Amino acid sequence: MPETRYPKEAEKFEIQAYKRPKDGKALRKTHVPFSGSPKRHPYDPEKVILVADPYNTQNLYYEFNKGDISYVEELPSIVNLEGETITMVRIWIKKMSVGVRCSPFIVEGTGKKAES
């Protein structure tokens, strides 16, 4: 009998409770939205990491201070072919806040073959 795979439960990540803004247009004037999968920062509890596209091989992530987040919207979760579910959110960051954008890569040759 073939093995059936079901979606696994997503890891719950609580940033904190945020109130829905009364005026969405005002929020757009003072904040910038970023979407992705939230992760705990490995060593700083006052920061959050947002992975822009968790299943992309050329990944990009953002790092923000939790104090700069004014509102969080839940987005539909995404599921990979193995049935693993990843939580997605849209966070609204105050304009003029300092964030870090990181695009990790593997160091490889420049395209020319190394000479023997």
N, C-alpha and C. Protein backbone atom coordinates (compact mmCIF):
# COMPACT_ATOMS: atom_id res chain seq x y z
N MET A 1 0.84 -1.18 0.00
CA MET A 1 0.00 0.00 0.00
C MET A 1 0.89 1.25 0.00
N PRO A 2 0.66 2.21 -0.91
CA PRO A 2 1.51 3.40 -0.98
C PRO A 2 1.36 4.28 0.26
N GLU A 3 2.47 4.89 0.62
CA GLU A 3 2.47 5.78 1.79
C GLU A 3 1.79 7.10 1.42
N THR A 4 0.87 7.56 2.25
CA THR A 4 0.17 8.82 2.02
C THR A 4 0.81 9.89 2.89
N ARG A 5 1.10 11.03 2.28
CA ARG A 5 1.70 12.14 3.02
C ARG A 5 0.67 13.23 3.21
N TYR A 6 0.57 13.70 4.43
CA TYR A 6 -0.36 14.78 4.75
C TYR A 6 0.43 16.00 5.17
N PRO A 7 -0.11 17.20 4.97
CA PRO A 7 0.60 18.40 5.42
C PRO A 7 0.88 18.33 6.92
N LYS A 8 2.08 18.75 7.28
CA LYS A 8 2.45 18.79 8.69
C LYS A 8 2.01 20.12 9.28
N GLU A 9 1.84 20.14 10.58
CA GLU A 9 1.42 21.36 11.25
C GLU A 9 2.56 22.38 11.23
N ALA A 10 2.21 23.63 10.93
CA ALA A 10 3.20 24.69 10.87
C ALA A 10 3.70 25.03 12.26
N GLU A 11 4.98 25.39 12.35
CA GLU A 11 5.54 25.86 13.61
C GLU A 11 4.94 27.22 13.92
N LYS A 12 4.40 27.38 15.09
CA LYS A 12 3.77 28.64 15.48
C LYS A 12 4.85 29.61 15.92
N PHE A 13 4.84 30.80 15.37
CA PHE A 13 5.82 31.82 15.73
C PHE A 13 5.07 33.08 16.11
N GLU A 14 5.08 33.39 17.37
CA GLU A 14 4.36 34.57 17.87
C GLU A 14 5.33 35.74 17.95
N ILE A 15 5.08 36.79 17.17
CA ILE A 15 5.89 38.00 17.29
C ILE A 15 5.37 38.78 18.48
N GLN A 16 4.15 39.16 18.45
CA GLN A 16 3.39 39.76 19.55
C GLN A 16 2.04 40.17 18.98
N ALA A 17 1.13 40.53 19.82
CA ALA A 17 -0.19 40.93 19.35
C ALA A 17 -0.14 42.36 18.81
N TYR A 18 -0.73 42.56 17.65
CA TYR A 18 -0.79 43.89 17.04
C TYR A 18 -2.25 44.23 16.75
N LYS A 19 -2.61 45.47 17.00
CA LYS A 19 -3.97 45.92 16.70
C LYS A 19 -4.06 46.28 15.23
N ARG A 20 -5.20 45.96 14.64
CA ARG A 20 -5.44 46.32 13.24
C ARG A 20 -5.52 47.85 13.15
N PRO A 21 -4.82 48.44 12.19
CA PRO A 21 -4.88 49.90 12.07
C PRO A 21 -6.27 50.37 11.66
N LYS A 22 -6.68 51.51 12.18
CA LYS A 22 -8.00 52.04 11.86
C LYS A 22 -8.06 52.57 10.44
N ASP A 23 -6.93 53.11 9.96
CA ASP A 23 -6.88 53.71 8.63
C ASP A 23 -5.72 53.11 7.84
N GLY A 24 -6.05 52.22 6.88
CA GLY A 24 -5.03 51.56 6.07
C GLY A 24 -4.25 52.53 5.20
N LYS A 25 -4.89 53.60 4.73
CA LYS A 25 -4.20 54.59 3.90
C LYS A 25 -3.14 55.33 4.71
N ALA A 26 -3.44 55.64 5.97
CA ALA A 26 -2.46 56.30 6.83
C ALA A 26 -1.27 55.39 7.09
N LEU A 27 -1.55 54.09 7.25
CA LEU A 27 -0.48 53.12 7.48
C LEU A 27 0.48 53.09 6.29
N ARG A 28 -0.04 53.16 5.08
CA ARG A 28 0.80 53.15 3.87
C ARG A 28 1.67 54.40 3.77
N LYS A 29 1.24 55.49 4.36
CA LYS A 29 2.04 56.72 4.32
C LYS A 29 3.22 56.66 5.27
N THR A 30 3.09 55.91 6.35
CA THR A 30 4.12 55.91 7.40
C THR A 30 4.88 54.60 7.53
N HIS A 31 4.46 53.56 6.78
CA HIS A 31 5.07 52.24 6.90
C HIS A 31 5.30 51.59 5.54
N VAL A 32 6.15 50.57 5.52
CA VAL A 32 6.42 49.80 4.31
C VAL A 32 6.16 48.33 4.61
N PRO A 33 5.39 47.61 3.74
CA PRO A 33 5.11 46.20 4.00
C PRO A 33 6.22 45.29 3.44
N PHE A 34 6.51 44.21 4.17
CA PHE A 34 7.43 43.17 3.75
C PHE A 34 6.74 41.83 3.99
N SER A 35 6.82 40.92 3.03
CA SER A 35 6.16 39.61 3.17
C SER A 35 7.19 38.50 3.21
N GLY A 36 6.87 37.46 3.97
CA GLY A 36 7.76 36.31 4.05
C GLY A 36 7.41 35.43 5.22
N SER A 37 8.31 34.52 5.53
CA SER A 37 8.13 33.59 6.63
C SER A 37 8.95 34.07 7.83
N PRO A 38 8.31 34.35 8.97
CA PRO A 38 9.05 34.87 10.14
C PRO A 38 9.82 33.76 10.86
N LYS A 39 11.01 34.09 11.31
CA LYS A 39 11.85 33.17 12.08
C LYS A 39 12.42 33.90 13.29
N ARG A 40 12.66 33.17 14.34
CA ARG A 40 13.32 33.76 15.51
C ARG A 40 14.76 34.08 15.16
N HIS A 41 15.23 35.20 15.67
CA HIS A 41 16.63 35.56 15.49
C HIS A 41 17.47 34.60 16.33
N PRO A 42 18.60 34.12 15.82
CA PRO A 42 19.36 33.11 16.55
C PRO A 42 19.95 33.57 17.88
N TYR A 43 20.21 34.87 18.06
CA TYR A 43 20.81 35.30 19.32
C TYR A 43 20.27 36.60 19.89
N ASP A 44 19.40 37.31 19.18
CA ASP A 44 18.86 38.58 19.67
C ASP A 44 17.33 38.51 19.74
N PRO A 45 16.76 38.39 20.95
CA PRO A 45 15.30 38.27 21.06
C PRO A 45 14.54 39.53 20.66
N GLU A 46 15.22 40.65 20.47
CA GLU A 46 14.57 41.90 20.08
C GLU A 46 14.51 42.08 18.56
N LYS A 47 14.97 41.07 17.82
CA LYS A 47 14.95 41.15 16.36
C LYS A 47 14.17 39.97 15.79
N VAL A 48 13.72 40.14 14.56
CA VAL A 48 13.01 39.08 13.84
C VAL A 48 13.61 38.96 12.45
N ILE A 49 13.65 37.73 11.96
CA ILE A 49 14.12 37.47 10.60
C ILE A 49 12.91 37.12 9.75
N LEU A 50 12.86 37.68 8.55
CA LEU A 50 11.76 37.42 7.62
C LEU A 50 12.36 36.86 6.33
N VAL A 51 12.12 35.58 6.06
CA VAL A 51 12.63 34.92 4.85
C VAL A 51 11.65 35.19 3.73
N ALA A 52 12.10 35.92 2.71
CA ALA A 52 11.21 36.39 1.66
C ALA A 52 10.53 35.25 0.89
N ASP A 53 11.26 34.26 0.46
CA ASP A 53 10.69 33.14 -0.30
C ASP A 53 11.38 31.87 0.18
N PRO A 54 10.81 31.20 1.20
CA PRO A 54 11.50 30.10 1.86
C PRO A 54 11.88 28.91 0.98
N TYR A 55 11.20 28.68 -0.14
CA TYR A 55 11.50 27.53 -0.98
C TYR A 55 12.36 27.89 -2.19
N ASN A 56 12.73 29.12 -2.34
CA ASN A 56 13.57 29.54 -3.46
C ASN A 56 15.02 29.15 -3.18
N THR A 57 15.73 28.67 -4.19
CA THR A 57 17.14 28.29 -3.98
C THR A 57 18.05 29.50 -3.85
N GLN A 58 17.67 30.63 -4.42
CA GLN A 58 18.43 31.87 -4.28
C GLN A 58 17.68 32.76 -3.30
N ASN A 59 17.87 32.46 -2.03
CA ASN A 59 17.04 33.07 -1.00
C ASN A 59 17.52 34.44 -0.56
N LEU A 60 16.61 35.18 0.03
CA LEU A 60 16.83 36.51 0.54
C LEU A 60 16.10 36.61 1.86
N TYR A 61 16.72 37.24 2.86
CA TYR A 61 16.00 37.45 4.11
C TYR A 61 16.26 38.86 4.64
N TYR A 62 15.33 39.30 5.48
CA TYR A 62 15.40 40.61 6.12
C TYR A 62 15.53 40.42 7.63
N GLU A 63 16.15 41.38 8.26
CA GLU A 63 16.24 41.38 9.72
C GLU A 63 15.75 42.75 10.21
N PHE A 64 14.77 42.73 11.12
CA PHE A 64 14.20 43.96 11.64
C PHE A 64 14.16 43.93 13.17
N ASN A 65 14.17 45.11 13.77
CA ASN A 65 13.92 45.22 15.21
C ASN A 65 12.42 45.04 15.43
N LYS A 66 12.06 44.29 16.45
CA LYS A 66 10.64 44.07 16.74
C LYS A 66 9.92 45.38 17.04
N GLY A 67 10.61 46.35 17.63
CA GLY A 67 10.01 47.63 17.97
C GLY A 67 9.63 48.46 16.75
N ASP A 68 10.17 48.12 15.58
CA ASP A 68 9.85 48.85 14.35
C ASP A 68 8.65 48.26 13.61
N ILE A 69 8.12 47.14 14.11
CA ILE A 69 6.97 46.50 13.49
C ILE A 69 5.71 47.07 14.13
N SER A 70 4.82 47.62 13.28
CA SER A 70 3.59 48.20 13.80
C SER A 70 2.37 47.31 13.60
N TYR A 71 2.41 46.45 12.59
CA TYR A 71 1.26 45.62 12.30
C TYR A 71 1.72 44.37 11.57
N VAL A 72 1.07 43.23 11.86
CA VAL A 72 1.38 41.96 11.20
C VAL A 72 0.09 41.38 10.66
N GLU A 73 0.09 41.01 9.39
CA GLU A 73 -1.05 40.35 8.76
C GLU A 73 -0.67 38.90 8.45
N GLU A 74 -1.55 37.97 8.77
CA GLU A 74 -1.31 36.58 8.38
C GLU A 74 -1.67 36.42 6.92
N LEU A 75 -0.81 35.74 6.19
CA LEU A 75 -1.05 35.41 4.79
C LEU A 75 -1.29 33.90 4.69
N PRO A 76 -1.80 33.41 3.57
CA PRO A 76 -1.96 31.96 3.43
C PRO A 76 -0.61 31.25 3.57
N SER A 77 -0.60 30.14 4.29
CA SER A 77 0.61 29.33 4.44
C SER A 77 0.92 28.66 3.12
N ILE A 78 2.19 28.28 2.94
CA ILE A 78 2.57 27.56 1.73
C ILE A 78 3.02 26.16 2.13
N VAL A 79 2.82 25.21 1.21
CA VAL A 79 3.15 23.80 1.46
C VAL A 79 4.06 23.32 0.35
N ASN A 80 5.14 22.60 0.71
CA ASN A 80 6.02 22.06 -0.32
C ASN A 80 5.56 20.67 -0.74
N LEU A 81 6.26 20.03 -1.64
CA LEU A 81 5.86 18.73 -2.16
C LEU A 81 5.91 17.62 -1.11
N GLU A 82 6.71 17.82 -0.05
CA GLU A 82 6.79 16.82 1.02
C GLU A 82 5.71 17.03 2.08
N GLY A 83 4.86 18.04 1.92
CA GLY A 83 3.78 18.28 2.85
C GLY A 83 4.15 19.17 4.03
N GLU A 84 5.32 19.77 4.00
CA GLU A 84 5.73 20.67 5.08
C GLU A 84 5.09 22.04 4.86
N THR A 85 4.50 22.58 5.91
CA THR A 85 3.80 23.86 5.83
C THR A 85 4.67 24.96 6.43
N ILE A 86 4.68 26.11 5.77
CA ILE A 86 5.43 27.27 6.27
C ILE A 86 4.47 28.44 6.42
N THR A 87 4.50 29.07 7.59
CA THR A 87 3.66 30.23 7.87
C THR A 87 4.20 31.45 7.12
N MET A 88 3.30 32.21 6.52
CA MET A 88 3.67 33.44 5.81
C MET A 88 2.93 34.61 6.44
N VAL A 89 3.61 35.77 6.51
CA VAL A 89 3.02 36.98 7.07
C VAL A 89 3.43 38.19 6.25
N ARG A 90 2.71 39.28 6.45
CA ARG A 90 3.11 40.59 5.93
C ARG A 90 3.31 41.47 7.15
N ILE A 91 4.51 42.03 7.29
CA ILE A 91 4.77 42.92 8.43
C ILE A 91 4.92 44.34 7.91
N TRP A 92 4.43 45.28 8.71
CA TRP A 92 4.48 46.70 8.35
C TRP A 92 5.55 47.35 9.23
N ILE A 93 6.61 47.86 8.57
CA ILE A 93 7.76 48.45 9.24
C ILE A 93 7.69 49.97 9.10
N LYS A 94 7.95 50.67 10.22
CA LYS A 94 7.96 52.14 10.19
C LYS A 94 9.00 52.63 9.20
N LYS A 95 8.64 53.63 8.40
CA LYS A 95 9.60 54.24 7.47
C LYS A 95 10.75 54.84 8.26
N MET A 96 11.92 54.83 7.67
CA MET A 96 13.17 55.35 8.24
C MET A 96 13.74 54.42 9.32
N SER A 97 13.17 53.23 9.49
CA SER A 97 13.75 52.24 10.40
C SER A 97 14.96 51.61 9.72
N VAL A 98 15.87 51.09 10.51
CA VAL A 98 17.04 50.41 9.96
C VAL A 98 16.76 48.91 9.93
N GLY A 99 16.92 48.32 8.76
CA GLY A 99 16.77 46.89 8.59
C GLY A 99 17.99 46.35 7.87
N VAL A 100 18.13 45.04 7.86
CA VAL A 100 19.24 44.40 7.15
C VAL A 100 18.64 43.51 6.09
N ARG A 101 19.12 43.65 4.85
CA ARG A 101 18.71 42.77 3.76
C ARG A 101 19.91 41.90 3.42
N CYS A 102 19.74 40.58 3.45
CA CYS A 102 20.85 39.67 3.24
C CYS A 102 20.49 38.67 2.15
N SER A 103 21.42 38.46 1.25
CA SER A 103 21.26 37.49 0.17
C SER A 103 22.45 36.55 0.19
N PRO A 104 22.37 35.43 0.93
CA PRO A 104 23.49 34.50 1.00
C PRO A 104 23.74 33.83 -0.36
N PHE A 105 24.99 33.45 -0.59
CA PHE A 105 25.34 32.78 -1.84
C PHE A 105 26.51 31.85 -1.59
N ILE A 106 26.71 30.92 -2.50
CA ILE A 106 27.84 29.99 -2.43
C ILE A 106 28.97 30.56 -3.28
N VAL A 107 30.14 30.64 -2.72
CA VAL A 107 31.30 31.15 -3.43
C VAL A 107 31.78 30.09 -4.41
N GLU A 108 31.83 30.46 -5.68
CA GLU A 108 32.28 29.54 -6.72
C GLU A 108 33.29 30.28 -7.61
N GLY A 109 33.75 29.61 -8.62
CA GLY A 109 34.70 30.21 -9.54
C GLY A 109 34.09 31.35 -10.33
N THR A 110 34.93 32.05 -11.07
CA THR A 110 34.46 33.20 -11.84
C THR A 110 33.99 32.82 -13.23
N GLY A 111 34.01 31.54 -13.57
CA GLY A 111 33.55 31.12 -14.89
C GLY A 111 34.69 30.56 -15.72
N LYS A 112 35.93 30.97 -15.45
CA LYS A 112 37.08 30.43 -16.17
C LYS A 112 37.56 29.21 -15.42
N LYS A 113 38.00 28.20 -16.16
CA LYS A 113 38.53 27.01 -15.51
C LYS A 113 39.87 27.34 -14.88
N ALA A 114 40.07 26.80 -13.68
CA ALA A 114 41.34 27.01 -12.99
C ALA A 114 42.45 26.31 -13.75
N GLU A 115 43.57 26.99 -13.84
CA GLU A 115 44.71 26.39 -14.55
C GLU A 115 45.40 25.39 -13.66
N SER A 116 45.83 24.28 -14.26
CA SER A 116 46.48 23.20 -13.49
C SER A 116 47.88 23.56 -13.13
